[in-house]
PDB file of all heavy atoms in Angstrom:
ATOM      1  N   ALA A   1       0.867  -1.179   0.000  1.00  0.00           N
ATOM      2  CA  ALA A   1       0.000   0.000   0.000  1.00  0.00           C
ATOM      3  C   ALA A   1       0.900   1.223   0.000  1.00  0.00           C
ATOM      4  O   ALA A   1       1.550   1.535   1.003  1.00  0.00           O
ATOM      5  CB  ALA A   1      -0.919  -0.009   1.223  1.00  0.00           C
ATOM      6  N   LEU A   2       0.958   1.916  -1.124  1.00  0.00           N
ATOM      7  CA  LEU A   2       1.916   2.999  -1.311  1.00  0.00           C
ATOM      8  C   LEU A   2       1.600   4.168  -0.381  1.00  0.00           C
ATOM      9  O   LEU A   2       0.430   4.525  -0.176  1.00  0.00           O
ATOM     10  CB  LEU A   2       1.901   3.457  -2.762  1.00  0.00           C
ATOM     11  CG  LEU A   2       2.280   2.366  -3.775  1.00  0.00           C
ATOM     12  CD1 LEU A   2       2.095   2.872  -5.189  1.00  0.00           C
ATOM     13  CD2 LEU A   2       3.719   1.916  -3.558  1.00  0.00           C
ATOM     14  N   ALA A   3       2.654   4.750   0.183  1.00  0.00           N
ATOM     15  CA  ALA A   3       2.483   5.875   1.103  1.00  0.00           C
ATOM     16  C   ALA A   3       2.103   7.148   0.371  1.00  0.00           C
ATOM     17  O   ALA A   3       1.444   8.029   0.944  1.00  0.00           O
ATOM     18  CB  ALA A   3       3.770   6.094   1.905  1.00  0.00           C
ATOM     19  N   ALA A   4       2.498   7.285  -0.883  1.00  0.00           N
ATOM     20  CA  ALA A   4       2.160   8.485  -1.658  1.00  0.00           C
ATOM     21  C   ALA A   4       0.672   8.486  -1.996  1.00  0.00           C
ATOM     22  O   ALA A   4       0.067   7.431  -2.212  1.00  0.00           O
ATOM     23  CB  ALA A   4       2.989   8.535  -2.940  1.00  0.00           C
ATOM     24  N   ASP A   5       0.089   9.680  -2.023  1.00  0.00           N
ATOM     25  CA  ASP A   5      -1.324   9.833  -2.349  1.00  0.00           C
ATOM     26  C   ASP A   5      -1.462   9.964  -3.860  1.00  0.00           C
ATOM     27  O   ASP A   5      -1.375  11.059  -4.424  1.00  0.00           O
ATOM     28  CB  ASP A   5      -1.894  11.065  -1.639  1.00  0.00           C
ATOM     29  CG  ASP A   5      -3.399  11.185  -1.817  1.00  0.00           C
ATOM     30  OD1 ASP A   5      -3.996  10.275  -2.437  1.00  0.00           O
ATOM     31  OD2 ASP A   5      -3.978  12.168  -1.351  1.00  0.00           O
ATOM     32  N   TYR A   6      -1.668   8.837  -4.532  1.00  0.00           N
ATOM     33  CA  TYR A   6      -1.720   8.844  -5.985  1.00  0.00           C
ATOM     34  C   TYR A   6      -3.010   9.461  -6.517  1.00  0.00           C
ATOM     35  O   TYR A   6      -3.097   9.764  -7.704  1.00  0.00           O
ATOM     36  CB  TYR A   6      -1.575   7.414  -6.516  1.00  0.00           C
ATOM     37  CG  TYR A   6      -0.139   6.943  -6.577  1.00  0.00           C
ATOM     38  CD1 TYR A   6       0.570   6.658  -5.420  1.00  0.00           C
ATOM     39  CD2 TYR A   6       0.515   6.808  -7.793  1.00  0.00           C
ATOM     40  CE1 TYR A   6       1.878   6.244  -5.468  1.00  0.00           C
ATOM     41  CE2 TYR A   6       1.829   6.397  -7.854  1.00  0.00           C
ATOM     42  CZ  TYR A   6       2.515   6.114  -6.683  1.00  0.00           C
ATOM     43  OH  TYR A   6       3.820   5.722  -6.741  1.00  0.00           O
ATOM     44  N   GLU A   7      -4.015   9.641  -5.657  1.00  0.00           N
ATOM     45  CA  GLU A   7      -5.259  10.245  -6.114  1.00  0.00           C
ATOM     46  C   GLU A   7      -5.125  11.748  -6.282  1.00  0.00           C
ATOM     47  O   GLU A   7      -5.872  12.367  -7.039  1.00  0.00           O
ATOM     48  CB  GLU A   7      -6.385   9.934  -5.114  1.00  0.00           C
ATOM     49  CG  GLU A   7      -6.693   8.454  -4.952  1.00  0.00           C
ATOM     50  CD  GLU A   7      -7.201   7.836  -6.236  1.00  0.00           C
ATOM     51  OE1 GLU A   7      -7.854   8.559  -7.023  1.00  0.00           O
ATOM     52  OE2 GLU A   7      -6.927   6.645  -6.467  1.00  0.00           O
ATOM     53  N   ARG A   8      -4.178  12.355  -5.561  1.00  0.00           N
ATOM     54  CA  ARG A   8      -4.005  13.816  -5.618  1.00  0.00           C
ATOM     55  C   ARG A   8      -2.517  14.140  -5.715  1.00  0.00           C
ATOM     56  O   ARG A   8      -1.915  14.584  -4.739  1.00  0.00           O
ATOM     57  CB  ARG A   8      -4.631  14.480  -4.391  1.00  0.00           C
ATOM     58  CG  ARG A   8      -6.145  14.359  -4.339  1.00  0.00           C
ATOM     59  CD  ARG A   8      -6.696  15.057  -3.114  1.00  0.00           C
ATOM     60  NE  ARG A   8      -8.135  15.035  -3.076  1.00  0.00           N
ATOM     61  CZ  ARG A   8      -8.856  14.065  -2.551  1.00  0.00           C
ATOM     62  NH1 ARG A   8      -8.241  13.012  -2.037  1.00  0.00           N
ATOM     63  NH2 ARG A   8     -10.167  14.105  -2.544  1.00  0.00           N
ATOM     64  N   LEU A   9      -1.946  13.915  -6.854  1.00  0.00           N
ATOM     65  CA  LEU A   9      -0.547  14.263  -7.086  1.00  0.00           C
ATOM     66  C   LEU A   9      -0.505  15.677  -7.654  1.00  0.00           C
ATOM     67  O   LEU A   9      -0.584  15.888  -8.870  1.00  0.00           O
ATOM     68  CB  LEU A   9       0.092  13.265  -8.047  1.00  0.00           C
ATOM     69  CG  LEU A   9       0.266  11.832  -7.529  1.00  0.00           C
ATOM     70  CD1 LEU A   9       0.883  10.953  -8.603  1.00  0.00           C
ATOM     71  CD2 LEU A   9       1.112  11.808  -6.271  1.00  0.00           C
ATOM     72  N   ASN A  10      -0.399  16.651  -6.759  1.00  0.00           N
ATOM     73  CA  ASN A  10      -0.369  18.049  -7.179  1.00  0.00           C
ATOM     74  C   ASN A  10       1.053  18.602  -7.230  1.00  0.00           C
ATOM     75  O   ASN A  10       1.391  19.374  -8.111  1.00  0.00           O
ATOM     76  CB  ASN A  10      -1.221  18.902  -6.242  1.00  0.00           C
ATOM     77  CG  ASN A  10      -2.668  18.462  -6.233  1.00  0.00           C
ATOM     78  OD1 ASN A  10      -3.200  18.077  -7.255  1.00  0.00           O
ATOM     79  ND2 ASN A  10      -3.314  18.514  -5.077  1.00  0.00           N
ATOM     80  N   PHE A  11       1.859  18.230  -6.230  1.00  0.00           N
ATOM     81  CA  PHE A  11       3.235  18.691  -6.149  1.00  0.00           C
ATOM     82  C   PHE A  11       4.144  17.471  -5.971  1.00  0.00           C
ATOM     83  O   PHE A  11       3.807  16.543  -5.243  1.00  0.00           O
ATOM     84  CB  PHE A  11       3.441  19.647  -4.957  1.00  0.00           C
ATOM     85  CG  PHE A  11       2.527  20.835  -4.982  1.00  0.00           C
ATOM     86  CD1 PHE A  11       1.324  20.805  -4.291  1.00  0.00           C
ATOM     87  CD2 PHE A  11       2.866  21.972  -5.682  1.00  0.00           C
ATOM     88  CE1 PHE A  11       0.477  21.884  -4.305  1.00  0.00           C
ATOM     89  CE2 PHE A  11       2.022  23.061  -5.702  1.00  0.00           C
ATOM     90  CZ  PHE A  11       0.822  23.023  -5.014  1.00  0.00           C
ATOM     91  N   LEU A  12       5.297  17.496  -6.620  1.00  0.00           N
ATOM     92  CA  LEU A  12       6.267  16.420  -6.483  1.00  0.00           C
ATOM     93  C   LEU A  12       7.645  17.027  -6.246  1.00  0.00           C
ATOM     94  O   LEU A  12       7.960  18.120  -6.722  1.00  0.00           O
ATOM     95  CB  LEU A  12       6.305  15.537  -7.739  1.00  0.00           C
ATOM     96  CG  LEU A  12       5.071  14.674  -8.020  1.00  0.00           C
ATOM     97  CD1 LEU A  12       5.302  13.828  -9.256  1.00  0.00           C
ATOM     98  CD2 LEU A  12       4.728  13.799  -6.830  1.00  0.00           C
ATOM     99  N   ARG A  13       8.453  16.299  -5.493  1.00  0.00           N
ATOM    100  CA  ARG A  13       9.842  16.683  -5.250  1.00  0.00           C
ATOM    101  C   ARG A  13      10.746  15.749  -6.037  1.00  0.00           C
ATOM    102  O   ARG A  13      10.634  14.526  -5.928  1.00  0.00           O
ATOM    103  CB  ARG A  13      10.184  16.583  -3.761  1.00  0.00           C
ATOM    104  CG  ARG A  13       9.335  17.452  -2.875  1.00  0.00           C
ATOM    105  CD  ARG A  13       9.668  17.208  -1.421  1.00  0.00           C
ATOM    106  NE  ARG A  13      11.062  17.523  -1.149  1.00  0.00           N
ATOM    107  CZ  ARG A  13      11.800  16.914  -0.230  1.00  0.00           C
ATOM    108  NH1 ARG A  13      11.291  15.935   0.477  1.00  0.00           N
ATOM    109  NH2 ARG A  13      13.042  17.279  -0.030  1.00  0.00           N
ATOM    110  N   VAL A  14      11.615  16.331  -6.823  1.00  0.00           N
ATOM    111  CA  VAL A  14      12.597  15.556  -7.581  1.00  0.00           C
ATOM    112  C   VAL A  14      13.899  15.586  -6.787  1.00  0.00           C
ATOM    113  O   VAL A  14      14.474  16.652  -6.554  1.00  0.00           O
ATOM    114  CB  VAL A  14      12.808  16.137  -8.989  1.00  0.00           C
ATOM    115  CG1 VAL A  14      13.785  15.280  -9.775  1.00  0.00           C
ATOM    116  CG2 VAL A  14      11.471  16.253  -9.719  1.00  0.00           C
ATOM    117  N   LEU A  15      14.355  14.397  -6.350  1.00  0.00           N
ATOM    118  CA  LEU A  15      15.570  14.301  -5.536  1.00  0.00           C
ATOM    119  C   LEU A  15      16.796  14.256  -6.432  1.00  0.00           C
ATOM    120  O   LEU A  15      16.894  13.406  -7.323  1.00  0.00           O
ATOM    121  CB  LEU A  15      15.514  13.050  -4.648  1.00  0.00           C
ATOM    122  CG  LEU A  15      14.315  12.946  -3.695  1.00  0.00           C
ATOM    123  CD1 LEU A  15      14.413  11.670  -2.884  1.00  0.00           C
ATOM    124  CD2 LEU A  15      14.249  14.148  -2.770  1.00  0.00           C
ATOM    125  N   ARG A  16      17.717  15.168  -6.177  1.00  0.00           N
ATOM    126  CA  ARG A  16      18.970  15.161  -6.929  1.00  0.00           C
ATOM    127  C   ARG A  16      19.847  14.019  -6.408  1.00  0.00           C
ATOM    128  O   ARG A  16      20.349  14.076  -5.289  1.00  0.00           O
ATOM    129  CB  ARG A  16      19.694  16.492  -6.769  1.00  0.00           C
ATOM    130  CG  ARG A  16      18.996  17.685  -7.415  1.00  0.00           C
ATOM    131  CD  ARG A  16      19.923  18.883  -7.401  1.00  0.00           C
ATOM    132  NE  ARG A  16      19.317  20.043  -8.030  1.00  0.00           N
ATOM    133  CZ  ARG A  16      18.704  21.013  -7.353  1.00  0.00           C
ATOM    134  NH1 ARG A  16      18.604  20.937  -6.032  1.00  0.00           N
ATOM    135  NH2 ARG A  16      18.186  22.033  -7.991  1.00  0.00           N
ATOM    136  N   SER A  17      20.011  12.997  -7.201  1.00  0.00           N
ATOM    137  CA  SER A  17      20.813  11.845  -6.804  1.00  0.00           C
ATOM    138  C   SER A  17      22.241  12.037  -7.279  1.00  0.00           C
ATOM    139  O   SER A  17      22.471  12.462  -8.420  1.00  0.00           O
ATOM    140  CB  SER A  17      20.244  10.545  -7.389  1.00  0.00           C
ATOM    141  OG  SER A  17      18.915  10.358  -6.953  1.00  0.00           O
ATOM    142  N   HIS A  18      23.190  11.725  -6.413  1.00  0.00           N
ATOM    143  CA  HIS A  18      24.598  11.798  -6.767  1.00  0.00           C
ATOM    144  C   HIS A  18      25.124  10.379  -6.954  1.00  0.00           C
ATOM    145  O   HIS A  18      24.787   9.476  -6.179  1.00  0.00           O
ATOM    146  CB  HIS A  18      25.391  12.507  -5.676  1.00  0.00           C
ATOM    147  CG  HIS A  18      24.888  13.899  -5.412  1.00  0.00           C
ATOM    148  ND1 HIS A  18      25.151  14.952  -6.244  1.00  0.00           N
ATOM    149  CD2 HIS A  18      24.117  14.399  -4.414  1.00  0.00           C
ATOM    150  CE1 HIS A  18      24.581  16.047  -5.771  1.00  0.00           C
ATOM    151  NE2 HIS A  18      23.943  15.737  -4.655  1.00  0.00           N
ATOM    152  N   PRO A  19      25.913  10.149  -7.966  1.00  0.00           N
ATOM    153  CA  PRO A  19      26.425   8.784  -8.181  1.00  0.00           C
ATOM    154  C   PRO A  19      27.245   8.315  -6.998  1.00  0.00           C
ATOM    155  O   PRO A  19      27.960   9.091  -6.362  1.00  0.00           O
ATOM    156  CB  PRO A  19      27.282   8.922  -9.446  1.00  0.00           C
ATOM    157  CG  PRO A  19      27.595  10.380  -9.561  1.00  0.00           C
ATOM    158  CD  PRO A  19      26.431  11.106  -8.953  1.00  0.00           C
ATOM    159  N   ALA A  20      27.087   7.030  -6.681  1.00  0.00           N
ATOM    160  CA  ALA A  20      27.812   6.466  -5.537  1.00  0.00           C
ATOM    161  C   ALA A  20      29.317   6.465  -5.810  1.00  0.00           C
ATOM    162  O   ALA A  20      29.770   6.344  -6.956  1.00  0.00           O
ATOM    163  CB  ALA A  20      27.331   5.042  -5.256  1.00  0.00           C
ATOM    164  N   GLU A  21      30.060   6.609  -4.740  1.00  0.00           N
ATOM    165  CA  GLU A  21      31.526   6.627  -4.869  1.00  0.00           C
ATOM    166  C   GLU A  21      32.016   5.241  -5.267  1.00  0.00           C
ATOM    167  O   GLU A  21      31.631   4.238  -4.686  1.00  0.00           O
ATOM    168  CB  GLU A  21      32.141   7.054  -3.532  1.00  0.00           C
ATOM    169  CG  GLU A  21      33.655   7.142  -3.583  1.00  0.00           C
ATOM    170  CD  GLU A  21      34.225   7.562  -2.247  1.00  0.00           C
ATOM    171  OE1 GLU A  21      33.426   7.828  -1.326  1.00  0.00           O
ATOM    172  OE2 GLU A  21      35.454   7.601  -2.133  1.00  0.00           O
ATOM    173  N   GLN A  22      32.885   5.192  -6.279  1.00  0.00           N
ATOM    174  CA  GLN A  22      33.406   3.917  -6.770  1.00  0.00           C
ATOM    175  C   GLN A  22      34.789   3.693  -6.188  1.00  0.00           C
ATOM    176  O   GLN A  22      35.660   4.556  -6.262  1.00  0.00           O
ATOM    177  CB  GLN A  22      33.480   3.944  -8.292  1.00  0.00           C
ATOM    178  CG  GLN A  22      32.141   4.298  -8.874  1.00  0.00           C
ATOM    179  CD  GLN A  22      31.648   3.271  -9.821  1.00  0.00           C
ATOM    180  OE1 GLN A  22      32.377   2.405 -10.236  1.00  0.00           O
ATOM    181  NE2 GLN A  22      30.385   3.350 -10.131  1.00  0.00           N
ATOM    182  N   ILE A  23      34.994   2.529  -5.570  1.00  0.00           N
ATOM    183  CA  ILE A  23      36.282   2.181  -4.971  1.00  0.00           C
ATOM    184  C   ILE A  23      37.109   1.468  -6.031  1.00  0.00           C
ATOM    185  O   ILE A  23      36.772   0.370  -6.482  1.00  0.00           O
ATOM    186  CB  ILE A  23      36.088   1.302  -3.728  1.00  0.00           C
ATOM    187  CG1 ILE A  23      35.266   2.046  -2.695  1.00  0.00           C
ATOM    188  CG2 ILE A  23      37.426   0.870  -3.163  1.00  0.00           C
ATOM    189  CD1 ILE A  23      34.939   1.240  -1.470  1.00  0.00           C
ATOM    190  N   THR A  24      38.202   2.090  -6.437  1.00  0.00           N
ATOM    191  CA  THR A  24      39.067   1.512  -7.474  1.00  0.00           C
ATOM    192  C   THR A  24      40.411   1.040  -6.933  1.00  0.00           C
ATOM    193  O   THR A  24      41.119   0.283  -7.588  1.00  0.00           O
ATOM    194  CB  THR A  24      39.333   2.538  -8.585  1.00  0.00           C
ATOM    195  OG1 THR A  24      39.902   3.722  -8.006  1.00  0.00           O
ATOM    196  CG2 THR A  24      38.018   2.921  -9.273  1.00  0.00           C
TER     197      THR A  24
END
């Protein structure tokens, strides 16, 4: 049961994702 209210999607937040650090 999704926590987001899909019946009233008026505003959304787009999360800026940063690529994970790669161990070389």
